Amino acid sequence: MKPPGEKQNQRLGTLLLNTLAREMRLWRAPVLKSGCIQGSDISPTQYHEVIVWLREMNGVFQFSSETFALGVCVLNSLLATVKTQLKYLKCMAITSLILAAKINEEDEVIASVKDLLEQSRCKFSTAEILRMERVILNKLHWDLYMATPMDFIHIVSSD
């Protein structure tokens, strides 16, 4: 790989600055307070477990790494926005991943919500997932195009 020229460096710099500006404007992360995510009864360990589970589900569904990264960003933004009970965490997580897949994956790759729930062995109904989709979209103002770590990796690794 040859070193980038000045024009390539300028393009890379512009891409990074634009992505960083978008991230600064939109990025929200859950805040820990008293050993739990602020506004919830979710501990860091429980959060970590649901992220690991979400990664496993991403593999089961054969979604891309970009979809997983966006799903985690959507979940984080939601957790930073709403008060949450632990019993809803998995529903929020799987719905965040499904929404990310609707943005990143080809339509033929995404199974129906019913099939995804069967594959994940979740005990949620299709209606609960669709209701959670509406909640997430409303709370995040229908803006799920968030900068993810994968975006930065792609920008830096592009020729």
N, C-alpha and C. Protein backbone atom coordinates (compact mmCIF):
# COMPACT_ATOMS: atom_id res chain seq x y z
N MET A 1 0.84 -1.17 0.00
CA MET A 1 0.00 0.00 0.00
C MET A 1 0.89 1.24 0.00
N LYS A 2 0.69 2.10 -0.96
CA LYS A 2 1.51 3.31 -1.05
C LYS A 2 0.94 4.39 -0.13
N PRO A 3 1.79 5.29 0.35
CA PRO A 3 1.32 6.36 1.23
C PRO A 3 0.36 7.28 0.46
N PRO A 4 -0.65 7.80 1.16
CA PRO A 4 -1.63 8.66 0.48
C PRO A 4 -1.01 9.99 0.08
N GLY A 5 -1.51 10.53 -1.02
CA GLY A 5 -1.07 11.84 -1.48
C GLY A 5 -1.84 12.93 -0.76
N GLU A 6 -1.50 14.18 -1.09
CA GLU A 6 -2.13 15.32 -0.42
C GLU A 6 -3.64 15.36 -0.67
N LYS A 7 -4.05 15.07 -1.89
CA LYS A 7 -5.49 15.09 -2.21
C LYS A 7 -6.24 14.02 -1.41
N GLN A 8 -5.63 12.84 -1.31
CA GLN A 8 -6.22 11.74 -0.54
C GLN A 8 -6.29 12.12 0.95
N ASN A 9 -5.25 12.76 1.46
CA ASN A 9 -5.24 13.20 2.86
C ASN A 9 -6.35 14.22 3.12
N GLN A 10 -6.56 15.12 2.19
CA GLN A 10 -7.62 16.12 2.34
C GLN A 10 -9.00 15.44 2.35
N ARG A 11 -9.19 14.49 1.45
CA ARG A 11 -10.48 13.77 1.39
C ARG A 11 -10.71 13.01 2.69
N LEU A 12 -9.68 12.33 3.18
CA LEU A 12 -9.77 11.58 4.42
C LEU A 12 -10.07 12.52 5.59
N GLY A 13 -9.37 13.64 5.63
CA GLY A 13 -9.60 14.63 6.68
C GLY A 13 -11.02 15.15 6.67
N THR A 14 -11.54 15.44 5.50
CA THR A 14 -12.92 15.93 5.37
C THR A 14 -13.92 14.88 5.83
N LEU A 15 -13.73 13.63 5.40
CA LEU A 15 -14.62 12.55 5.83
C LEU A 15 -14.61 12.39 7.35
N LEU A 16 -13.43 12.41 7.94
CA LEU A 16 -13.32 12.27 9.39
C LEU A 16 -13.99 13.44 10.12
N LEU A 17 -13.73 14.65 9.66
CA LEU A 17 -14.33 15.82 10.31
C LEU A 17 -15.85 15.80 10.21
N ASN A 18 -16.39 15.43 9.05
CA ASN A 18 -17.84 15.36 8.88
C ASN A 18 -18.45 14.29 9.79
N THR A 19 -17.80 13.15 9.86
CA THR A 19 -18.31 12.06 10.70
C THR A 19 -18.21 12.43 12.17
N LEU A 20 -17.10 13.05 12.57
CA LEU A 20 -16.96 13.49 13.96
C LEU A 20 -17.99 14.55 14.33
N ALA A 21 -18.26 15.47 13.42
CA ALA A 21 -19.26 16.51 13.69
C ALA A 21 -20.63 15.89 13.89
N ARG A 22 -20.97 14.93 13.06
CA ARG A 22 -22.26 14.24 13.21
C ARG A 22 -22.32 13.48 14.52
N GLU A 23 -21.23 12.80 14.87
CA GLU A 23 -21.20 12.05 16.12
C GLU A 23 -21.35 12.98 17.31
N MET A 24 -20.66 14.11 17.30
CA MET A 24 -20.75 15.05 18.42
C MET A 24 -22.17 15.58 18.58
N ARG A 25 -22.86 15.74 17.47
CA ARG A 25 -24.22 16.27 17.50
C ARG A 25 -25.22 15.24 18.00
N LEU A 26 -25.03 13.97 17.65
CA LEU A 26 -26.05 12.96 17.91
C LEU A 26 -25.70 11.96 19.00
N TRP A 27 -24.44 11.76 19.29
CA TRP A 27 -24.04 10.66 20.16
C TRP A 27 -24.43 10.90 21.59
N ARG A 28 -25.06 9.91 22.17
CA ARG A 28 -25.41 9.92 23.59
C ARG A 28 -25.04 8.56 24.14
N ALA A 29 -24.53 8.56 25.33
CA ALA A 29 -24.16 7.30 25.97
C ALA A 29 -24.84 7.21 27.32
N PRO A 30 -25.20 6.00 27.72
CA PRO A 30 -25.78 5.84 29.05
C PRO A 30 -24.77 6.25 30.12
N VAL A 31 -25.25 6.90 31.16
CA VAL A 31 -24.40 7.39 32.24
C VAL A 31 -24.58 6.48 33.45
N LEU A 32 -23.44 6.09 34.05
CA LEU A 32 -23.50 5.28 35.27
C LEU A 32 -23.66 6.19 36.47
N LYS A 33 -24.60 5.83 37.32
CA LYS A 33 -24.83 6.58 38.55
C LYS A 33 -25.22 5.59 39.63
N SER A 34 -24.52 5.60 40.73
CA SER A 34 -24.78 4.68 41.84
C SER A 34 -24.70 3.22 41.39
N GLY A 35 -23.78 2.91 40.49
CA GLY A 35 -23.57 1.53 40.06
C GLY A 35 -24.56 1.03 39.03
N CYS A 36 -25.48 1.87 38.59
CA CYS A 36 -26.46 1.48 37.57
C CYS A 36 -26.48 2.53 36.47
N ILE A 37 -27.05 2.16 35.33
CA ILE A 37 -27.24 3.14 34.27
C ILE A 37 -28.29 4.12 34.75
N GLN A 38 -27.96 5.41 34.67
CA GLN A 38 -28.83 6.46 35.20
C GLN A 38 -30.25 6.32 34.65
N GLY A 39 -31.22 6.42 35.56
CA GLY A 39 -32.62 6.33 35.18
C GLY A 39 -33.09 4.90 34.98
N SER A 40 -32.32 3.91 35.47
CA SER A 40 -32.72 2.52 35.29
C SER A 40 -32.23 1.69 36.47
N ASP A 41 -32.61 0.43 36.44
CA ASP A 41 -32.09 -0.52 37.43
C ASP A 41 -31.13 -1.51 36.78
N ILE A 42 -30.47 -1.07 35.70
CA ILE A 42 -29.57 -1.92 34.91
C ILE A 42 -28.13 -1.69 35.35
N SER A 43 -27.48 -2.76 35.79
CA SER A 43 -26.08 -2.66 36.22
C SER A 43 -25.16 -2.75 35.00
N PRO A 44 -23.90 -2.31 35.15
CA PRO A 44 -22.96 -2.46 34.04
C PRO A 44 -22.80 -3.92 33.61
N THR A 45 -22.85 -4.85 34.54
CA THR A 45 -22.74 -6.27 34.20
C THR A 45 -23.92 -6.72 33.35
N GLN A 46 -25.12 -6.29 33.70
CA GLN A 46 -26.31 -6.66 32.93
C GLN A 46 -26.25 -6.02 31.53
N TYR A 47 -25.77 -4.80 31.47
CA TYR A 47 -25.60 -4.13 30.18
C TYR A 47 -24.60 -4.91 29.32
N HIS A 48 -23.46 -5.27 29.91
CA HIS A 48 -22.44 -6.03 29.19
C HIS A 48 -23.02 -7.36 28.68
N GLU A 49 -23.78 -8.04 29.52
CA GLU A 49 -24.37 -9.33 29.11
C GLU A 49 -25.31 -9.16 27.93
N VAL A 50 -26.10 -8.10 27.92
CA VAL A 50 -27.02 -7.91 26.79
C VAL A 50 -26.27 -7.54 25.52
N ILE A 51 -25.15 -6.85 25.64
CA ILE A 51 -24.34 -6.53 24.45
C ILE A 51 -23.70 -7.80 23.89
N VAL A 52 -23.20 -8.66 24.77
CA VAL A 52 -22.63 -9.95 24.32
C VAL A 52 -23.72 -10.78 23.64
N TRP A 53 -24.90 -10.83 24.24
CA TRP A 53 -26.03 -11.57 23.66
C TRP A 53 -26.40 -10.98 22.29
N LEU A 54 -26.39 -9.64 22.20
CA LEU A 54 -26.72 -8.99 20.94
C LEU A 54 -25.71 -9.35 19.86
N ARG A 55 -24.44 -9.46 20.24
CA ARG A 55 -23.40 -9.88 19.28
C ARG A 55 -23.66 -11.31 18.79
N GLU A 56 -24.07 -12.17 19.72
CA GLU A 56 -24.41 -13.55 19.34
C GLU A 56 -25.59 -13.56 18.37
N MET A 57 -26.61 -12.76 18.66
CA MET A 57 -27.79 -12.70 17.79
C MET A 57 -27.41 -12.14 16.42
N ASN A 58 -26.52 -11.17 16.39
CA ASN A 58 -26.05 -10.63 15.13
C ASN A 58 -25.44 -11.73 14.27
N GLY A 59 -24.68 -12.63 14.91
CA GLY A 59 -24.10 -13.78 14.20
C GLY A 59 -25.15 -14.77 13.76
N VAL A 60 -26.11 -15.06 14.63
CA VAL A 60 -27.20 -15.99 14.30
C VAL A 60 -27.98 -15.48 13.08
N PHE A 61 -28.25 -14.17 13.06
CA PHE A 61 -29.02 -13.59 11.97
C PHE A 61 -28.16 -13.34 10.72
N GLN A 62 -26.85 -13.53 10.85
CA GLN A 62 -25.89 -13.31 9.76
C GLN A 62 -25.91 -11.87 9.26
N PHE A 63 -25.99 -10.93 10.21
CA PHE A 63 -25.92 -9.52 9.89
C PHE A 63 -24.45 -9.09 9.88
N SER A 64 -24.18 -7.95 9.29
CA SER A 64 -22.82 -7.42 9.20
C SER A 64 -22.37 -6.80 10.52
N SER A 65 -21.07 -6.58 10.63
CA SER A 65 -20.51 -5.89 11.80
C SER A 65 -21.05 -4.47 11.89
N GLU A 66 -21.31 -3.85 10.76
CA GLU A 66 -21.86 -2.50 10.74
C GLU A 66 -23.25 -2.48 11.38
N THR A 67 -24.02 -3.52 11.12
CA THR A 67 -25.36 -3.60 11.71
C THR A 67 -25.26 -3.75 13.22
N PHE A 68 -24.36 -4.60 13.69
CA PHE A 68 -24.17 -4.75 15.14
C PHE A 68 -23.75 -3.42 15.77
N ALA A 69 -22.79 -2.74 15.16
CA ALA A 69 -22.31 -1.47 15.71
C ALA A 69 -23.44 -0.44 15.78
N LEU A 70 -24.24 -0.36 14.73
CA LEU A 70 -25.35 0.59 14.73
C LEU A 70 -26.41 0.18 15.76
N GLY A 71 -26.67 -1.12 15.88
CA GLY A 71 -27.63 -1.59 16.88
C GLY A 71 -27.22 -1.19 18.29
N VAL A 72 -25.93 -1.31 18.60
CA VAL A 72 -25.43 -0.92 19.92
C VAL A 72 -25.55 0.60 20.10
N CYS A 73 -25.24 1.36 19.07
CA CYS A 73 -25.37 2.81 19.15
C CYS A 73 -26.82 3.24 19.37
N VAL A 74 -27.73 2.58 18.68
CA VAL A 74 -29.16 2.88 18.87
C VAL A 74 -29.58 2.55 20.31
N LEU A 75 -29.17 1.39 20.79
CA LEU A 75 -29.49 1.00 22.17
C LEU A 75 -28.90 1.99 23.16
N ASN A 76 -27.65 2.38 22.97
CA ASN A 76 -27.02 3.35 23.88
C ASN A 76 -27.75 4.68 23.88
N SER A 77 -28.12 5.16 22.70
CA SER A 77 -28.85 6.42 22.62
C SER A 77 -30.18 6.32 23.33
N LEU A 78 -30.84 5.20 23.17
CA LEU A 78 -32.12 5.00 23.84
C LEU A 78 -31.95 4.95 25.36
N LEU A 79 -30.95 4.21 25.82
CA LEU A 79 -30.70 4.12 27.27
C LEU A 79 -30.33 5.48 27.86
N ALA A 80 -29.70 6.33 27.07
CA ALA A 80 -29.34 7.67 27.54
C ALA A 80 -30.54 8.61 27.54
N THR A 81 -31.61 8.21 26.86
CA THR A 81 -32.76 9.07 26.67
C THR A 81 -33.92 8.74 27.60
N VAL A 82 -34.14 7.47 27.87
CA VAL A 82 -35.34 7.05 28.63
C VAL A 82 -34.97 6.33 29.92
N LYS A 83 -35.88 6.38 30.87
CA LYS A 83 -35.75 5.57 32.08
C LYS A 83 -36.16 4.15 31.70
N THR A 84 -35.38 3.18 32.16
CA THR A 84 -35.55 1.82 31.69
C THR A 84 -35.58 0.84 32.84
N GLN A 85 -36.42 -0.18 32.69
CA GLN A 85 -36.43 -1.29 33.65
C GLN A 85 -35.71 -2.47 33.00
N LEU A 86 -35.05 -3.25 33.82
CA LEU A 86 -34.29 -4.40 33.33
C LEU A 86 -35.13 -5.34 32.49
N LYS A 87 -36.40 -5.51 32.85
CA LYS A 87 -37.24 -6.46 32.12
C LYS A 87 -37.44 -6.07 30.65
N TYR A 88 -37.19 -4.80 30.31
CA TYR A 88 -37.35 -4.36 28.93
C TYR A 88 -36.04 -4.31 28.16
N LEU A 89 -34.92 -4.56 28.82
CA LEU A 89 -33.61 -4.38 28.19
C LEU A 89 -33.42 -5.26 26.96
N LYS A 90 -33.75 -6.54 27.06
CA LYS A 90 -33.56 -7.43 25.91
C LYS A 90 -34.48 -7.05 24.75
N CYS A 91 -35.68 -6.64 25.06
CA CYS A 91 -36.61 -6.21 24.02
C CYS A 91 -36.06 -4.97 23.32
N MET A 92 -35.52 -4.04 24.10
CA MET A 92 -34.92 -2.84 23.52
C MET A 92 -33.71 -3.21 22.67
N ALA A 93 -32.91 -4.14 23.15
CA ALA A 93 -31.69 -4.53 22.44
C ALA A 93 -32.01 -5.21 21.11
N ILE A 94 -32.88 -6.20 21.13
CA ILE A 94 -33.19 -6.93 19.88
C ILE A 94 -33.89 -6.01 18.89
N THR A 95 -34.72 -5.10 19.39
CA THR A 95 -35.40 -4.16 18.50
C THR A 95 -34.40 -3.18 17.89
N SER A 96 -33.42 -2.74 18.69
CA SER A 96 -32.37 -1.86 18.16
C SER A 96 -31.60 -2.54 17.04
N LEU A 97 -31.31 -3.83 17.22
CA LEU A 97 -30.60 -4.58 16.19
C LEU A 97 -31.46 -4.74 14.93
N ILE A 98 -32.74 -5.00 15.11
CA ILE A 98 -33.64 -5.15 13.97
C ILE A 98 -33.73 -3.82 13.19
N LEU A 99 -33.84 -2.71 13.91
CA LEU A 99 -33.88 -1.40 13.25
C LEU A 99 -32.58 -1.14 12.49
N ALA A 100 -31.45 -1.49 13.10
CA ALA A 100 -30.16 -1.31 12.44
C ALA A 100 -30.09 -2.16 11.17
N ALA A 101 -30.63 -3.36 11.24
CA ALA A 101 -30.64 -4.24 10.06
C ALA A 101 -31.49 -3.64 8.94
N LYS A 102 -32.58 -3.02 9.30
CA LYS A 102 -33.44 -2.40 8.29
C LYS A 102 -32.71 -1.27 7.56
N ILE A 103 -31.73 -0.69 8.22
CA ILE A 103 -30.96 0.38 7.59
C ILE A 103 -29.78 -0.19 6.80
N ASN A 104 -29.07 -1.17 7.37
CA ASN A 104 -27.80 -1.63 6.79
C ASN A 104 -27.87 -2.86 5.91
N GLU A 105 -28.84 -3.71 6.11
CA GLU A 105 -28.87 -4.99 5.40
C GLU A 105 -29.77 -4.93 4.18
N GLU A 106 -29.49 -5.80 3.24
CA GLU A 106 -30.38 -5.96 2.08
C GLU A 106 -31.68 -6.59 2.56
N ASP A 107 -32.78 -6.23 1.93
CA ASP A 107 -34.09 -6.72 2.36
C ASP A 107 -34.16 -8.24 2.40
N GLU A 108 -33.53 -8.91 1.44
CA GLU A 108 -33.62 -10.37 1.39
C GLU A 108 -32.81 -11.05 2.49
N VAL A 109 -31.92 -10.32 3.16
CA VAL A 109 -31.13 -10.88 4.26
C VAL A 109 -31.94 -10.90 5.56
N ILE A 110 -32.86 -9.97 5.68
CA ILE A 110 -33.61 -9.81 6.92
C ILE A 110 -34.84 -10.71 6.90
N ALA A 111 -34.91 -11.62 7.87
CA ALA A 111 -36.09 -12.47 8.01
C ALA A 111 -37.22 -11.64 8.62
N SER A 112 -38.40 -12.21 8.67
CA SER A 112 -39.51 -11.51 9.30
C SER A 112 -39.23 -11.38 10.80
N VAL A 113 -39.88 -10.42 11.43
CA VAL A 113 -39.70 -10.23 12.88
C VAL A 113 -40.05 -11.51 13.61
N LYS A 114 -41.10 -12.19 13.18
CA LYS A 114 -41.50 -13.45 13.81
C LYS A 114 -40.37 -14.48 13.74
N ASP A 115 -39.76 -14.61 12.56
CA ASP A 115 -38.66 -15.57 12.39
C ASP A 115 -37.43 -15.16 13.20
N LEU A 116 -37.13 -13.86 13.24
CA LEU A 116 -35.99 -13.39 14.04
C LEU A 116 -36.21 -13.70 15.52
N LEU A 117 -37.43 -13.52 15.99
CA LEU A 117 -37.73 -13.82 17.39
C LEU A 117 -37.60 -15.32 17.68
N GLU A 118 -38.03 -16.14 16.74
CA GLU A 118 -37.88 -17.59 16.92
C GLU A 118 -36.41 -17.98 16.95
N GLN A 119 -35.62 -17.42 16.04
CA GLN A 119 -34.19 -17.73 16.00
C GLN A 119 -33.48 -17.28 17.28
N SER A 120 -33.91 -16.16 17.84
CA SER A 120 -33.26 -15.63 19.03
C SER A 120 -33.78 -16.27 20.32
N ARG A 121 -34.86 -17.01 20.20
CA ARG A 121 -35.52 -17.63 21.35
C ARG A 121 -36.00 -16.58 22.36
N CYS A 122 -36.32 -15.40 21.84
CA CYS A 122 -36.89 -14.35 22.69
C CYS A 122 -38.35 -14.69 22.98
N LYS A 123 -38.81 -14.25 24.10
CA LYS A 123 -40.19 -14.52 24.47
C LYS A 123 -41.09 -13.32 24.20
N PHE A 124 -40.64 -12.45 23.34
CA PHE A 124 -41.44 -11.28 23.00
C PHE A 124 -42.33 -11.59 21.81
N SER A 125 -43.44 -10.90 21.74
CA SER A 125 -44.33 -11.07 20.60
C SER A 125 -43.92 -10.10 19.49
N THR A 126 -44.39 -10.37 18.30
CA THR A 126 -44.15 -9.47 17.18
C THR A 126 -44.72 -8.10 17.49
N ALA A 127 -45.89 -8.07 18.11
CA ALA A 127 -46.53 -6.79 18.46
C ALA A 127 -45.67 -6.00 19.44
N GLU A 128 -45.03 -6.68 20.40
CA GLU A 128 -44.15 -5.98 21.36
C GLU A 128 -42.95 -5.37 20.66
N ILE A 129 -42.38 -6.10 19.71
CA ILE A 129 -41.22 -5.59 18.97
C ILE A 129 -41.64 -4.39 18.12
N LEU A 130 -42.76 -4.49 17.45
CA LEU A 130 -43.23 -3.37 16.63
C LEU A 130 -43.55 -2.15 17.48
N ARG A 131 -44.12 -2.37 18.65
CA ARG A 131 -44.39 -1.28 19.59
C ARG A 131 -43.08 -0.65 20.05
N MET A 132 -42.08 -1.49 20.35
CA MET A 132 -40.78 -0.98 20.78
C MET A 132 -40.10 -0.21 19.64
N GLU A 133 -40.28 -0.67 18.40
CA GLU A 133 -39.74 0.08 17.26
C GLU A 133 -40.28 1.50 17.25
N ARG A 134 -41.59 1.63 17.44
CA ARG A 134 -42.21 2.96 17.45
C ARG A 134 -41.66 3.82 18.59
N VAL A 135 -41.49 3.22 19.76
CA VAL A 135 -40.95 3.95 20.91
C VAL A 135 -39.54 4.44 20.60
N ILE A 136 -38.69 3.54 20.09
CA ILE A 136 -37.31 3.91 19.78
C ILE A 136 -37.27 5.03 18.74
N LEU A 137 -38.02 4.85 17.67
CA LEU A 137 -38.02 5.86 16.61
C LEU A 137 -38.52 7.21 17.12
N ASN A 138 -39.55 7.20 17.95
CA ASN A 138 -40.06 8.46 18.50
C ASN A 138 -39.05 9.10 19.45
N LYS A 139 -38.46 8.32 20.33
CA LYS A 139 -37.50 8.86 21.30
C LYS A 139 -36.24 9.39 20.63
N LEU A 140 -35.84 8.78 19.53
CA LEU A 140 -34.64 9.21 18.81
C LEU A 140 -34.96 10.10 17.62
N HIS A 141 -36.20 10.59 17.58
CA HIS A 141 -36.66 11.53 16.55
C HIS A 141 -36.45 11.00 15.14
N TRP A 142 -36.62 9.69 14.96
CA TRP A 142 -36.56 9.02 13.68
C TRP A 142 -35.19 9.16 13.01
N ASP A 143 -34.16 9.47 13.77
CA ASP A 143 -32.82 9.64 13.21
C ASP A 143 -31.91 8.53 13.72
N LEU A 144 -31.78 7.48 12.93
CA LEU A 144 -30.94 6.35 13.31
C LEU A 144 -29.63 6.32 12.53
N TYR A 145 -29.37 7.34 11.75
CA TYR A 145 -28.11 7.40 11.00
C TYR A 145 -27.05 8.01 11.90
N MET A 146 -26.46 7.14 12.72
CA MET A 146 -25.47 7.57 13.71
C MET A 146 -24.08 7.12 13.26
N ALA A 147 -23.09 7.91 13.65
CA ALA A 147 -21.71 7.50 13.40
C ALA A 147 -21.38 6.37 14.36
N THR A 148 -20.77 5.32 13.84
CA THR A 148 -20.39 4.18 14.66
C THR A 148 -18.88 4.00 14.57
N PRO A 149 -18.30 3.22 15.47
CA PRO A 149 -16.87 2.93 15.34
C PRO A 149 -16.51 2.34 13.98
N MET A 150 -17.42 1.57 13.40
CA MET A 150 -17.17 0.98 12.09
C MET A 150 -17.01 2.05 11.00
N ASP A 151 -17.76 3.14 11.13
CA ASP A 151 -17.62 4.23 10.15
C ASP A 151 -16.20 4.77 10.14
N PHE A 152 -15.64 4.97 11.33
CA PHE A 152 -14.28 5.50 11.43
C PHE A 152 -13.26 4.49 10.90
N ILE A 153 -13.49 3.23 11.17
CA ILE A 153 -12.58 2.20 10.65
C ILE A 153 -12.60 2.20 9.13
N HIS A 154 -13.79 2.30 8.54
CA HIS A 154 -13.89 2.32 7.08
C HIS A 154 -13.21 3.54 6.48
N ILE A 155 -13.38 4.71 7.14
CA ILE A 155 -12.78 5.93 6.62
C ILE A 155 -11.25 5.82 6.65
N VAL A 156 -10.73 5.38 7.78
CA VAL A 156 -9.28 5.31 7.94
C VAL A 156 -8.67 4.23 7.05
N SER A 157 -9.38 3.13 6.85
CA SER A 157 -8.80 2.03 6.07
C SER A 157 -9.05 2.16 4.57
N SER A 158 -9.85 3.15 4.16
CA SER A 158 -10.08 3.31 2.72
C SER A 158 -8.81 3.84 2.05
N ASP A 159 -8.62 3.44 0.80
CA ASP A 159 -7.39 3.84 0.12
C ASP A 159 -7.41 5.31 -0.02
